[in-house]
Protein backbone atom coordinates (compact mmCIF):
# COMPACT_ATOMS: atom_id res chain seq x y z
CA MET A 1 58.27 -14.76 40.16
CA GLN A 2 55.96 -16.59 42.07
CA LYS A 3 54.33 -14.14 43.70
CA ASN A 4 53.63 -12.25 40.32
CA SER A 5 52.22 -15.53 39.03
CA SER A 6 50.04 -15.76 41.33
CA SER A 7 48.96 -12.11 41.11
CA LEU A 8 48.13 -13.13 37.02
CA THR A 9 46.13 -16.25 37.89
CA GLN A 10 44.29 -14.17 40.73
CA HIS A 11 43.56 -11.72 37.40
CA ASN A 12 42.38 -14.07 35.88
CA ARG A 13 39.72 -15.51 37.72
CA SER A 14 38.64 -12.33 38.69
CA GLY A 15 37.78 -11.37 34.51
CA TRP A 16 36.55 -14.76 34.43
CA LEU A 17 34.33 -14.48 37.44
CA PHE A 18 33.04 -10.33 35.82
CA ALA A 19 32.86 -12.31 32.41
CA LEU A 20 30.83 -15.38 33.39
CA PRO A 21 27.01 -13.65 33.55
CA GLY A 22 27.39 -12.95 30.31
CA PHE A 23 28.85 -15.66 29.12
CA GLY A 24 25.91 -17.51 30.81
CA LEU A 25 23.32 -15.37 29.19
CA MET A 26 25.14 -15.99 25.78
CA MET A 27 24.82 -19.99 26.35
CA LEU A 28 21.35 -19.63 27.82
CA PHE A 29 19.88 -17.32 24.51
CA ILE A 30 21.92 -18.00 21.83
CA VAL A 31 23.60 -21.41 22.06
CA VAL A 32 21.58 -23.64 23.85
CA PRO A 33 18.39 -22.53 21.32
CA PHE A 34 20.79 -22.99 18.45
CA VAL A 35 21.49 -26.07 19.47
CA PHE A 36 17.99 -27.07 19.92
CA ALA A 37 17.16 -25.36 16.20
CA ILE A 38 19.56 -27.90 14.29
CA VAL A 39 17.97 -31.03 16.20
CA PHE A 40 14.34 -30.13 16.05
CA SER A 41 15.08 -29.23 12.57
CA MET A 42 16.19 -33.50 11.86
CA THR A 43 12.62 -33.92 13.41
CA ASN A 44 8.43 -33.47 12.55
CA GLN A 45 8.24 -31.63 15.79
CA ARG A 46 5.36 -29.49 15.93
CA LEU A 47 4.06 -27.06 18.60
CA ILE A 48 0.90 -28.88 20.17
CA SER A 49 0.45 -32.33 18.73
CA PRO A 50 -0.88 -35.47 20.34
CA ASN A 51 1.39 -37.61 18.39
CA PRO A 52 5.08 -38.75 19.12
CA THR A 53 7.98 -37.08 18.12
CA GLN A 54 9.97 -38.68 15.45
CA PHE A 55 13.18 -38.34 14.21
CA VAL A 56 12.89 -37.79 9.77
CA GLY A 57 17.03 -36.96 9.27
CA PHE A 58 17.20 -34.16 6.42
CA GLU A 59 13.57 -34.36 5.15
CA ASN A 60 12.63 -31.07 6.16
CA TYR A 61 16.01 -29.81 4.45
CA ARG A 62 15.24 -31.60 1.24
CA GLN A 63 11.46 -30.21 1.10
CA LEU A 64 12.94 -27.11 1.57
CA LEU A 65 15.27 -26.96 -0.64
CA SER A 66 14.35 -29.08 -3.46
CA VAL A 67 14.77 -28.18 -7.38
CA ASN A 68 13.98 -29.52 -10.51
CA LEU A 69 13.76 -28.60 -14.07
CA LEU A 70 11.07 -29.60 -16.31
CA VAL A 71 10.91 -29.32 -20.03
CA LEU A 72 7.64 -29.36 -21.90
CA ASP A 73 6.90 -29.98 -25.48
CA PRO A 74 3.77 -28.56 -26.69
CA VAL A 75 0.68 -30.54 -27.32
CA SER A 76 0.00 -32.13 -30.85
CA THR A 77 -3.03 -32.74 -32.40
CA GLU A 78 -4.01 -35.66 -33.86
CA THR A 79 -2.59 -35.06 -37.58
CA GLY A 80 1.37 -33.89 -35.98
CA GLU A 81 0.20 -30.34 -35.63
CA LEU A 82 1.35 -28.09 -32.48
CA LYS A 83 -1.95 -27.39 -30.52
CA GLN A 84 -2.69 -22.78 -29.92
CA ASN A 85 -4.78 -21.89 -27.14
CA THR A 86 -7.32 -19.06 -29.00
CA ASP A 87 -4.92 -16.42 -27.88
CA GLY A 88 -2.22 -17.86 -30.44
CA THR A 89 0.15 -19.32 -28.15
CA LEU A 90 1.24 -22.24 -27.75
CA THR A 91 -0.59 -25.58 -25.69
CA TYR A 92 1.44 -27.12 -23.21
CA PRO A 93 0.79 -30.07 -21.05
CA ARG A 94 -0.60 -29.16 -17.26
CA ILE A 95 2.08 -29.57 -15.06
CA ARG A 96 0.94 -31.16 -12.27
CA THR A 97 0.07 -34.11 -14.75
CA PHE A 98 3.99 -34.65 -14.00
CA THR A 99 3.70 -33.75 -10.23
CA ARG A 100 0.58 -36.00 -9.05
CA ASN A 101 0.42 -39.37 -9.22
CA ASN A 102 2.56 -40.08 -12.47
CA PRO A 103 5.17 -42.78 -11.90
CA ASN A 104 7.32 -41.82 -14.96
CA TYR A 105 8.44 -38.44 -13.05
CA PRO A 106 8.77 -39.93 -9.06
CA HIS A 107 11.24 -37.16 -8.78
CA LEU A 108 8.99 -34.92 -9.08
CA GLN A 109 6.19 -35.57 -7.35
CA GLY A 110 4.51 -33.17 -4.74
CA MET A 111 6.91 -30.71 -6.67
CA LYS A 112 5.00 -27.25 -7.69
CA GLU A 113 5.67 -23.83 -10.47
CA TRP A 114 8.37 -21.74 -9.57
CA PHE A 115 8.54 -19.42 -12.27
CA SER A 116 8.75 -20.52 -16.18
CA TRP A 117 10.14 -19.32 -19.30
CA GLN A 118 9.48 -19.54 -23.03
CA TRP A 119 12.49 -21.23 -24.73
CA GLN A 120 12.33 -21.76 -28.67
CA ASP A 121 9.17 -23.98 -29.27
CA LYS A 122 9.33 -25.63 -25.55
CA GLN A 123 8.11 -24.48 -22.13
CA VAL A 124 11.00 -24.36 -19.30
CA ALA A 125 9.61 -24.80 -15.86
CA ILE A 126 11.50 -24.94 -12.21
CA LEU A 127 9.83 -26.80 -9.85
CA ALA A 128 10.72 -26.50 -6.15
CA SER A 129 8.90 -28.41 -3.07
CA ASP A 130 8.39 -24.83 -1.18
CA PRO A 131 8.47 -22.03 -3.45
CA VAL A 132 7.21 -19.93 -1.02
CA PHE A 133 10.40 -20.35 0.62
CA MET A 134 12.54 -20.19 -2.98
CA LYS A 135 10.92 -16.59 -3.09
CA ALA A 136 11.38 -15.65 0.25
CA VAL A 137 15.10 -16.31 -0.30
CA VAL A 138 15.49 -14.81 -3.82
CA ASN A 139 13.56 -11.90 -2.11
CA THR A 140 15.96 -11.53 1.35
CA PHE A 141 19.23 -11.57 -1.56
CA LEU A 142 17.89 -8.85 -3.56
CA PHE A 143 16.85 -6.42 -0.20
CA VAL A 144 20.17 -7.24 0.42
CA MET A 145 21.83 -6.18 -2.33
CA VAL A 146 19.87 -3.11 -2.72
CA VAL A 147 20.07 -2.30 -0.07
CA ALA A 148 23.49 -2.63 1.32
CA PRO A 149 25.21 0.12 -0.98
CA LEU A 150 22.54 2.07 -1.19
CA GLN A 151 22.14 2.45 2.52
CA GLY A 152 26.11 3.00 3.13
CA ALA A 153 26.84 4.85 0.61
CA PHE A 154 23.64 7.39 1.91
CA ALA A 155 25.30 6.76 5.48
CA LEU A 156 28.39 8.14 4.09
CA ALA A 157 27.16 10.85 2.66
CA LEU A 158 25.50 12.13 5.56
CA ALA A 159 29.12 11.62 7.63
CA LEU A 160 30.57 13.67 5.18
CA LEU A 161 28.36 16.33 5.62
CA ILE A 162 28.43 16.92 9.02
CA ASN A 163 31.53 15.96 9.69
CA GLN A 164 32.36 20.09 9.53
CA ARG A 165 32.51 22.75 12.78
CA LEU A 166 29.79 24.35 11.63
CA LYS A 167 27.23 25.97 14.40
CA GLY A 168 24.10 24.26 15.04
CA ILE A 169 25.66 20.70 13.50
CA ASN A 170 25.22 19.24 16.38
CA VAL A 171 21.20 19.30 15.58
CA TYR A 172 21.29 17.99 12.32
CA ARG A 173 23.04 14.84 14.01
CA ALA A 174 20.21 13.84 16.12
CA ILE A 175 17.70 14.61 13.55
CA TYR A 176 19.29 12.28 11.00
CA PHE A 177 19.99 9.99 13.80
CA MET A 178 16.39 10.25 15.16
CA PRO A 179 14.77 7.00 13.27
CA VAL A 180 17.10 4.60 14.78
CA VAL A 181 15.72 4.90 17.95
CA VAL A 182 12.33 5.00 17.32
CA SER A 183 10.89 1.61 17.07
CA ILE A 184 11.27 -0.44 14.05
CA VAL A 185 7.47 -0.87 14.36
CA VAL A 186 6.04 2.52 15.07
CA VAL A 187 7.93 3.40 12.09
CA SER A 188 6.54 0.86 9.86
CA ILE A 189 3.08 2.36 11.18
CA LEU A 190 3.82 4.68 10.06
CA TRP A 191 5.31 4.81 6.64
CA ARG A 192 2.01 2.24 5.74
CA PHE A 193 -0.15 5.34 6.40
CA ILE A 194 2.44 7.19 3.99
CA TYR A 195 2.31 4.31 1.01
CA ASP A 196 -1.62 4.37 1.47
CA GLY A 197 -2.97 3.44 -1.89
CA GLN A 198 -5.77 6.00 -1.67
CA ASN A 199 -5.12 8.86 0.77
CA GLY A 200 -1.29 7.86 1.30
CA LEU A 201 1.21 10.79 1.98
CA LEU A 202 3.05 10.15 -0.88
CA ASN A 203 0.00 9.32 -3.20
CA ASN A 204 -0.86 13.12 -2.33
CA LEU A 205 2.16 14.58 -2.80
CA LEU A 206 2.79 12.75 -6.51
CA HIS A 207 -0.67 13.88 -7.53
CA SER A 208 -0.18 17.43 -6.70
CA VAL A 209 3.35 17.51 -7.86
CA SER A 210 2.07 15.80 -10.98
CA PHE A 211 -1.18 18.52 -11.24
CA GLY A 212 -2.88 15.47 -10.86
CA HIS A 213 -1.60 13.83 -13.87
CA LEU A 214 -0.44 10.84 -12.08
CA ALA A 215 -2.74 8.11 -10.85
CA PRO A 216 -2.74 6.71 -7.28
CA VAL A 217 -0.57 3.39 -6.49
CA ASP A 218 -1.05 0.75 -4.01
CA TRP A 219 2.33 0.93 -3.26
CA LEU A 220 2.20 -2.28 -0.70
CA GLY A 221 -0.50 -3.99 -2.23
CA ASN A 222 1.00 -4.49 -5.42
CA PRO A 223 3.49 -7.09 -6.33
CA ASP A 224 5.80 -5.28 -8.31
CA THR A 225 6.20 -2.34 -5.86
CA ALA A 226 5.73 -4.08 -2.35
CA LEU A 227 9.06 -5.27 -1.94
CA GLY A 228 10.72 -1.82 -2.95
CA SER A 229 8.36 0.17 -0.58
CA ILE A 230 9.51 -1.95 2.44
CA MET A 231 13.78 -1.20 0.49
CA ALA A 232 13.15 2.47 0.82
CA MET A 233 11.68 2.75 4.17
CA SER A 234 14.17 0.81 5.34
CA ILE A 235 17.54 2.50 4.44
CA TRP A 236 15.51 5.77 5.77
CA GLN A 237 15.31 4.33 8.96
CA ALA A 238 19.01 2.77 9.35
CA VAL A 239 20.74 5.25 7.83
CA GLY A 240 21.64 7.28 10.75
CA PHE A 241 22.89 4.82 12.60
CA HIS A 242 25.29 3.57 10.24
CA MET A 243 25.82 7.44 9.63
CA VAL A 244 27.45 7.57 13.34
CA ILE A 245 29.43 4.83 12.22
CA TRP A 246 31.21 6.25 9.36
CA LEU A 247 31.20 9.57 11.43
CA SER A 248 33.20 7.82 14.17
CA GLY A 249 36.03 6.84 11.53
CA LEU A 250 36.20 10.02 9.68
CA GLN A 251 36.83 11.59 12.77
CA THR A 252 40.34 9.51 13.21
CA ILE A 253 41.55 10.39 10.03
CA SER A 254 44.69 13.01 11.03
CA PRO A 255 43.86 16.65 9.59
CA THR A 256 47.42 17.03 8.84
CA LEU A 257 46.83 14.64 5.87
CA TYR A 258 44.10 16.92 5.11
CA GLU A 259 46.42 20.40 5.51
CA ALA A 260 48.91 18.40 2.85
CA ALA A 261 46.02 17.26 0.21
CA LYS A 262 45.00 21.71 0.32
CA ILE A 263 48.91 22.76 -0.02
CA GLU A 264 49.57 20.19 -2.85
CA GLY A 265 46.28 21.45 -4.15
CA ALA A 266 43.86 17.78 -4.53
CA SER A 267 40.53 18.67 -5.47
CA GLY A 268 37.74 17.55 -3.91
CA TRP A 269 37.44 14.15 -5.21
CA GLN A 270 41.27 13.53 -5.17
CA THR A 271 41.14 14.52 -1.13
CA PHE A 272 38.40 11.86 -0.76
CA ARG A 273 39.73 9.50 -3.32
CA TYR A 274 43.94 9.49 -1.70
CA VAL A 275 43.10 10.33 1.99
CA THR A 276 39.05 9.54 3.00
CA TRP A 277 38.56 6.60 1.45
CA PRO A 278 41.94 4.71 2.61
CA GLY A 279 41.34 6.08 6.32
CA LEU A 280 37.67 4.50 6.26
CA LYS A 281 38.94 1.26 5.04
CA ASN A 282 38.60 -0.38 8.40
CA THR A 283 35.27 1.23 8.74
CA ALA A 284 33.87 0.30 5.99
CA VAL A 285 33.83 -3.46 6.78
CA LEU A 286 32.40 -2.95 9.41
CA VAL A 287 29.12 -1.30 7.74
CA LEU A 288 28.99 -3.49 4.89
CA ILE A 289 28.99 -6.43 7.58
CA VAL A 290 26.50 -4.83 10.00
CA ILE A 291 24.34 -3.57 6.98
CA THR A 292 24.41 -7.03 5.47
CA MET A 293 23.59 -9.20 9.16
CA GLN A 294 20.73 -6.47 9.61
CA ALA A 295 18.83 -7.12 6.37
CA PHE A 296 19.28 -10.35 6.60
CA ALA A 297 17.04 -10.26 9.57
CA LEU A 298 14.27 -8.39 8.33
CA PHE A 299 11.23 -9.04 9.55
CA ALA A 300 9.08 -6.74 11.63
CA GLN A 301 8.69 -4.29 8.20
CA ILE A 302 7.39 -7.26 6.28
CA ASP A 303 5.20 -7.97 9.14
CA VAL A 304 3.33 -5.21 9.90
CA MET A 305 2.99 -3.80 6.50
CA THR A 306 2.38 -6.65 4.21
CA ASN A 307 2.45 -9.57 6.23
CA GLY A 308 4.48 -11.41 3.12
CA GLY A 309 2.07 -10.18 0.38
CA PRO A 310 0.73 -9.50 -1.90
CA LEU A 311 1.11 -12.94 -3.72
CA ASP A 312 4.24 -13.75 -1.63
CA SER A 313 6.24 -10.95 -2.72
CA THR A 314 7.84 -9.59 0.21
CA GLN A 315 8.41 -13.12 1.85
CA THR A 316 11.95 -13.07 3.69
CA ILE A 317 13.86 -15.79 5.34
CA VAL A 318 12.80 -15.17 8.82
CA PHE A 319 8.97 -14.55 8.15
CA GLN A 320 9.20 -17.91 6.92
CA ALA A 321 10.48 -18.93 9.61
CA VAL A 322 8.21 -17.31 12.46
CA GLU A 323 5.40 -17.99 10.41
CA ARG A 324 6.20 -21.63 9.46
CA GLY A 325 7.07 -21.63 13.63
CA TYR A 326 4.32 -20.57 15.13
CA GLY A 327 1.27 -19.42 12.62
CA LYS A 328 1.50 -23.19 11.06
CA GLN A 329 3.20 -24.88 14.69
CA ASP A 330 6.06 -26.26 12.60
CA ILE A 331 8.86 -26.22 15.13
CA SER A 332 10.60 -28.67 12.93
CA GLY A 333 10.04 -26.72 9.36
CA GLY A 334 10.76 -22.96 11.21
CA SER A 335 13.69 -24.71 12.94
CA ALA A 336 15.20 -25.96 9.29
CA ILE A 337 14.73 -22.45 8.08
CA SER A 338 16.92 -21.21 11.30
CA VAL A 339 19.74 -22.97 9.76
CA VAL A 340 19.47 -22.47 6.65
CA LEU A 341 20.01 -18.64 7.38
CA PHE A 342 22.65 -19.45 10.08
CA VAL A 343 24.91 -21.34 6.97
CA ILE A 344 24.13 -18.31 4.80
CA VAL A 345 24.77 -15.84 6.64
CA LEU A 346 28.04 -17.57 8.12
CA SER A 347 29.20 -18.46 4.36
CA ILE A 348 28.54 -14.97 2.99
CA SER A 349 30.30 -13.32 6.69
CA LEU A 350 33.41 -15.53 6.07
CA LEU A 351 33.10 -14.11 1.87
CA GLN A 352 33.25 -10.66 3.16
CA ARG A 353 36.38 -11.34 5.68
CA HIS A 354 38.42 -12.99 2.66
CA PHE A 355 37.75 -9.89 0.31
CA THR A 356 37.84 -7.50 2.72
CA ARG A 357 40.94 -9.00 4.96
CA GLU A 358 44.72 -6.95 4.63
CA LYS A 359 46.35 -8.07 1.83
CA LYS A 360 50.39 -9.09 2.40
């Protein structure tokens, strides 16, 4: 018994020795930088500054996340009538009169308009201390909600198509997977030429198909189409990677289940619903988590194709963190954004784990 115990201890020591370099690298490049990010986020640290670093607590987080509501009544004339603009719309006070040097609204000082809408005869405005960051948060969540389901569905469809014993099927697998191994920077540059507003491939194709009736579209220069264009490119670029994951899950399903379904006379949809999809449950959880994490890390496409524009329509959380930390040399602000992103991703991961766990 003592001999077996000493042998087990020796194996454990050998295992820890082999794992030590990996743990060391994880600590050096993941854990330590994250601890520094938390520390810097509570200071006014800048990349290059002659001023000493000071502790500011949660001020950086307050600057990022502060949001307020402002309801404006229309301006009235001396006779009590509502004042109107030349186009017939009601006139409202300027928001900056409430957010700049107004002692009656101390909680609104320094804030800017994020967005507003009309409600009856009032104007409702949502103010934010950092509306660009708030827009980045909205864009990131929108990107995740669109890309995650579409990319997962397209990848599953491709996996089902190539999961067949056909001659030359490996060629198609390689073709579908090829965009994954190409650098995302190279892919982004190529798609920037495809989306060119004047002589881009997409505009030329649409012009030919419509026999000249469709005018050229500035896909990346229009705030209404820029983010959608990046979504389409991102789905195409990474769909092959998730196709391989789906394919590995398909190949773990026993062929006898398909034979039994065929004998019972099940249709293609019934076979997928009652045989294929239940067998892919664990794979689906993995694909969903991987796509979500990759979508939240959106940066390279934005940096190469739009640089956050036009009009901040393609700002994302990671792009804001890099731009704030290195572009504006605001290390404390960039660190605070990184911590906020970590909390968001961790929360969503826990929610996904909760809703996709095995029910007893």
